[in-house]
Amino acid sequence: MQKENSNTIYVTQEKYSLYCYVDVFKAFLPHIPYYLGNCDVMIDFKKFKALESCFVKASENKILSPEILQYFKDLLGVHYEDSKM
């Protein structure tokens, strides 16, 4: 972004990876069953921290690594819906 505007959101460096996580999480919404409805963003913080750089990279280049795919399959467990992405 070249210029600030009324929609500008400031993200501190220490919170940037969490914003990246939410960005990547949105890509997995088709795999979350309808009965969970408008749930909060789910996170396994310990596993997230181990993959933190992968989430930043995936958010920036829009390429999901196998580790991230497995993270969400593990996070959702039996609720993971294997629809086409």
N, C-alpha and C. Protein backbone atom coordinates (compact mmCIF):
# COMPACT_ATOMS: atom_id res chain seq x y z
N MET A 1 0.84 -1.16 0.00
CA MET A 1 0.00 0.00 0.00
C MET A 1 0.90 1.24 0.00
N GLN A 2 0.62 2.12 -0.88
CA GLN A 2 1.44 3.31 -1.02
C GLN A 2 1.01 4.44 -0.09
N LYS A 3 -0.27 4.51 0.22
CA LYS A 3 -0.78 5.64 1.00
C LYS A 3 -1.82 5.16 2.00
N GLU A 4 -1.79 5.68 3.21
CA GLU A 4 -2.79 5.34 4.22
C GLU A 4 -4.15 5.88 3.81
N ASN A 5 -5.20 5.17 4.24
CA ASN A 5 -6.56 5.66 4.03
C ASN A 5 -7.41 5.26 5.22
N SER A 6 -8.71 5.50 5.15
CA SER A 6 -9.59 5.21 6.29
C SER A 6 -9.73 3.72 6.58
N ASN A 7 -9.34 2.88 5.64
CA ASN A 7 -9.42 1.43 5.84
C ASN A 7 -8.09 0.80 6.25
N THR A 8 -7.10 1.61 6.49
CA THR A 8 -5.78 1.12 6.86
C THR A 8 -5.81 0.45 8.23
N ILE A 9 -5.23 -0.72 8.30
CA ILE A 9 -5.12 -1.45 9.56
C ILE A 9 -3.63 -1.60 9.85
N TYR A 10 -3.23 -1.18 11.02
CA TYR A 10 -1.83 -1.29 11.42
C TYR A 10 -1.62 -2.61 12.13
N VAL A 11 -0.64 -3.36 11.66
CA VAL A 11 -0.32 -4.65 12.24
C VAL A 11 1.13 -4.58 12.72
N THR A 12 1.31 -4.83 14.01
CA THR A 12 2.66 -4.81 14.55
C THR A 12 3.43 -6.04 14.07
N GLN A 13 4.72 -5.94 14.03
CA GLN A 13 5.56 -7.04 13.57
C GLN A 13 5.33 -8.30 14.42
N GLU A 14 5.16 -8.13 15.73
CA GLU A 14 4.98 -9.31 16.59
C GLU A 14 3.63 -9.99 16.39
N LYS A 15 2.65 -9.30 15.80
CA LYS A 15 1.34 -9.90 15.54
C LYS A 15 1.15 -10.30 14.07
N TYR A 16 2.11 -9.96 13.24
CA TYR A 16 1.98 -10.20 11.80
C TYR A 16 1.71 -11.67 11.48
N SER A 17 2.38 -12.58 12.14
CA SER A 17 2.20 -14.01 11.83
C SER A 17 0.78 -14.46 12.15
N LEU A 18 0.15 -13.87 13.17
CA LEU A 18 -1.23 -14.23 13.49
C LEU A 18 -2.19 -13.73 12.42
N TYR A 19 -1.94 -12.55 11.88
CA TYR A 19 -2.75 -12.06 10.77
C TYR A 19 -2.57 -12.96 9.55
N CYS A 20 -1.37 -13.43 9.33
CA CYS A 20 -1.12 -14.37 8.24
C CYS A 20 -1.88 -15.67 8.47
N TYR A 21 -1.92 -16.13 9.71
CA TYR A 21 -2.66 -17.35 10.05
C TYR A 21 -4.13 -17.20 9.67
N VAL A 22 -4.73 -16.07 10.04
CA VAL A 22 -6.14 -15.83 9.72
C VAL A 22 -6.34 -15.81 8.21
N ASP A 23 -5.43 -15.22 7.49
CA ASP A 23 -5.51 -15.19 6.03
C ASP A 23 -5.50 -16.60 5.46
N VAL A 24 -4.61 -17.44 5.95
CA VAL A 24 -4.53 -18.83 5.48
C VAL A 24 -5.75 -19.61 5.95
N PHE A 25 -6.22 -19.37 7.17
CA PHE A 25 -7.40 -20.04 7.71
C PHE A 25 -8.60 -19.83 6.78
N LYS A 26 -8.75 -18.63 6.26
CA LYS A 26 -9.87 -18.33 5.37
C LYS A 26 -9.87 -19.23 4.14
N ALA A 27 -8.71 -19.64 3.70
CA ALA A 27 -8.62 -20.54 2.54
C ALA A 27 -9.19 -21.92 2.86
N PHE A 28 -9.27 -22.26 4.14
CA PHE A 28 -9.76 -23.57 4.55
C PHE A 28 -11.23 -23.57 4.93
N LEU A 29 -11.92 -22.46 4.77
CA LEU A 29 -13.34 -22.41 5.11
C LEU A 29 -14.16 -23.47 4.38
N PRO A 30 -13.86 -23.80 3.12
CA PRO A 30 -14.63 -24.87 2.46
C PRO A 30 -14.49 -26.24 3.14
N HIS A 31 -13.46 -26.42 3.96
CA HIS A 31 -13.24 -27.69 4.64
C HIS A 31 -13.88 -27.73 6.03
N ILE A 32 -14.48 -26.63 6.44
CA ILE A 32 -15.13 -26.57 7.75
C ILE A 32 -16.62 -26.80 7.55
N PRO A 33 -17.18 -27.81 8.19
CA PRO A 33 -18.58 -28.15 7.95
C PRO A 33 -19.54 -27.03 8.37
N TYR A 34 -20.67 -26.99 7.68
CA TYR A 34 -21.67 -25.94 7.92
C TYR A 34 -22.15 -25.91 9.35
N TYR A 35 -22.19 -27.07 10.04
CA TYR A 35 -22.75 -27.10 11.39
C TYR A 35 -21.87 -26.40 12.42
N LEU A 36 -20.65 -26.05 12.06
CA LEU A 36 -19.84 -25.24 12.97
C LEU A 36 -20.20 -23.76 12.83
N GLY A 37 -20.97 -23.45 11.78
CA GLY A 37 -21.50 -22.10 11.62
C GLY A 37 -20.44 -21.02 11.58
N ASN A 38 -20.77 -19.90 12.14
CA ASN A 38 -19.86 -18.76 12.19
C ASN A 38 -18.95 -18.87 13.40
N CYS A 39 -18.11 -19.87 13.38
CA CYS A 39 -17.22 -20.11 14.51
C CYS A 39 -16.08 -19.09 14.55
N ASP A 40 -15.46 -19.01 15.68
CA ASP A 40 -14.25 -18.19 15.80
C ASP A 40 -13.13 -18.89 15.03
N VAL A 41 -12.09 -18.16 14.77
CA VAL A 41 -10.92 -18.76 14.12
C VAL A 41 -10.29 -19.73 15.11
N MET A 42 -10.21 -20.99 14.70
CA MET A 42 -9.64 -22.03 15.56
C MET A 42 -8.12 -22.06 15.38
N ILE A 43 -7.42 -22.32 16.47
CA ILE A 43 -5.96 -22.38 16.38
C ILE A 43 -5.41 -23.31 17.46
N ASP A 44 -4.44 -24.09 17.09
CA ASP A 44 -3.64 -24.86 18.05
C ASP A 44 -2.34 -24.07 18.15
N PHE A 45 -2.25 -23.22 19.16
CA PHE A 45 -1.16 -22.25 19.23
C PHE A 45 0.21 -22.90 19.26
N LYS A 46 0.33 -24.00 19.96
CA LYS A 46 1.64 -24.68 20.05
C LYS A 46 2.08 -25.18 18.67
N LYS A 47 1.16 -25.80 17.94
CA LYS A 47 1.49 -26.29 16.60
C LYS A 47 1.68 -25.12 15.63
N PHE A 48 0.88 -24.07 15.82
CA PHE A 48 1.05 -22.88 14.98
C PHE A 48 2.45 -22.31 15.13
N LYS A 49 2.93 -22.18 16.37
CA LYS A 49 4.25 -21.61 16.60
C LYS A 49 5.34 -22.43 15.89
N ALA A 50 5.16 -23.74 15.85
CA ALA A 50 6.14 -24.60 15.17
C ALA A 50 6.13 -24.38 13.66
N LEU A 51 5.00 -23.93 13.12
CA LEU A 51 4.86 -23.71 11.68
C LEU A 51 4.72 -22.24 11.31
N GLU A 52 5.02 -21.37 12.25
CA GLU A 52 4.78 -19.94 12.08
C GLU A 52 5.33 -19.38 10.77
N SER A 53 6.55 -19.70 10.45
CA SER A 53 7.15 -19.17 9.21
C SER A 53 6.44 -19.72 7.97
N CYS A 54 5.92 -20.94 8.06
CA CYS A 54 5.17 -21.51 6.94
C CYS A 54 3.88 -20.74 6.69
N PHE A 55 3.22 -20.31 7.77
CA PHE A 55 1.99 -19.54 7.62
C PHE A 55 2.26 -18.16 7.02
N VAL A 56 3.34 -17.54 7.43
CA VAL A 56 3.70 -16.24 6.87
C VAL A 56 3.98 -16.39 5.37
N LYS A 57 4.77 -17.39 5.03
CA LYS A 57 5.12 -17.64 3.63
C LYS A 57 3.87 -17.94 2.80
N ALA A 58 2.97 -18.77 3.33
CA ALA A 58 1.75 -19.13 2.61
C ALA A 58 0.85 -17.93 2.40
N SER A 59 0.78 -17.07 3.39
CA SER A 59 -0.04 -15.87 3.26
C SER A 59 0.53 -14.93 2.21
N GLU A 60 1.82 -14.83 2.16
CA GLU A 60 2.47 -13.89 1.24
C GLU A 60 2.49 -14.39 -0.20
N ASN A 61 2.66 -15.71 -0.40
CA ASN A 61 2.75 -16.21 -1.77
C ASN A 61 1.55 -17.05 -2.21
N LYS A 62 0.60 -17.26 -1.30
CA LYS A 62 -0.66 -17.98 -1.59
C LYS A 62 -0.43 -19.42 -2.03
N ILE A 63 0.67 -20.01 -1.58
CA ILE A 63 0.95 -21.42 -1.84
C ILE A 63 0.97 -22.14 -0.49
N LEU A 64 0.09 -23.14 -0.35
CA LEU A 64 -0.04 -23.87 0.91
C LEU A 64 0.88 -25.09 0.91
N SER A 65 1.71 -25.16 1.92
CA SER A 65 2.64 -26.28 2.03
C SER A 65 1.91 -27.53 2.54
N PRO A 66 2.48 -28.71 2.32
CA PRO A 66 1.90 -29.94 2.86
C PRO A 66 1.77 -29.89 4.39
N GLU A 67 2.70 -29.21 5.06
CA GLU A 67 2.65 -29.09 6.52
C GLU A 67 1.41 -28.32 6.97
N ILE A 68 1.06 -27.28 6.24
CA ILE A 68 -0.13 -26.50 6.58
C ILE A 68 -1.39 -27.31 6.31
N LEU A 69 -1.41 -28.01 5.19
CA LEU A 69 -2.56 -28.87 4.90
C LEU A 69 -2.77 -29.88 6.02
N GLN A 70 -1.68 -30.51 6.47
CA GLN A 70 -1.78 -31.48 7.55
C GLN A 70 -2.20 -30.83 8.86
N TYR A 71 -1.70 -29.63 9.13
CA TYR A 71 -2.08 -28.89 10.34
C TYR A 71 -3.60 -28.75 10.41
N PHE A 72 -4.23 -28.32 9.31
CA PHE A 72 -5.68 -28.12 9.33
C PHE A 72 -6.44 -29.44 9.38
N LYS A 73 -5.92 -30.47 8.75
CA LYS A 73 -6.56 -31.79 8.87
C LYS A 73 -6.52 -32.26 10.32
N ASP A 74 -5.40 -32.06 10.99
CA ASP A 74 -5.27 -32.44 12.40
C ASP A 74 -6.14 -31.56 13.28
N LEU A 75 -6.18 -30.27 13.00
CA LEU A 75 -6.96 -29.33 13.81
C LEU A 75 -8.45 -29.66 13.75
N LEU A 76 -8.95 -29.94 12.56
CA LEU A 76 -10.38 -30.21 12.40
C LEU A 76 -10.75 -31.66 12.69
N GLY A 77 -9.77 -32.55 12.63
CA GLY A 77 -10.04 -33.96 12.93
C GLY A 77 -11.15 -34.53 12.08
N VAL A 78 -12.12 -35.18 12.73
CA VAL A 78 -13.23 -35.81 12.01
C VAL A 78 -14.14 -34.79 11.35
N HIS A 79 -13.99 -33.53 11.67
CA HIS A 79 -14.83 -32.48 11.09
C HIS A 79 -14.26 -31.91 9.79
N TYR A 80 -13.07 -32.36 9.40
CA TYR A 80 -12.46 -31.88 8.17
C TYR A 80 -13.23 -32.44 6.99
N GLU A 81 -13.73 -31.57 6.13
CA GLU A 81 -14.45 -32.00 4.94
C GLU A 81 -13.49 -31.93 3.76
N ASP A 82 -13.30 -33.07 3.11
CA ASP A 82 -12.31 -33.17 2.05
C ASP A 82 -12.92 -32.78 0.70
N SER A 83 -13.36 -31.54 0.60
CA SER A 83 -13.88 -31.03 -0.67
C SER A 83 -12.72 -30.54 -1.51
N LYS A 84 -12.98 -30.31 -2.76
CA LYS A 84 -11.92 -29.81 -3.65
C LYS A 84 -11.64 -28.35 -3.32
N MET A 85 -10.35 -27.99 -3.32
CA MET A 85 -9.97 -26.58 -3.11
C MET A 85 -9.79 -25.91 -4.44
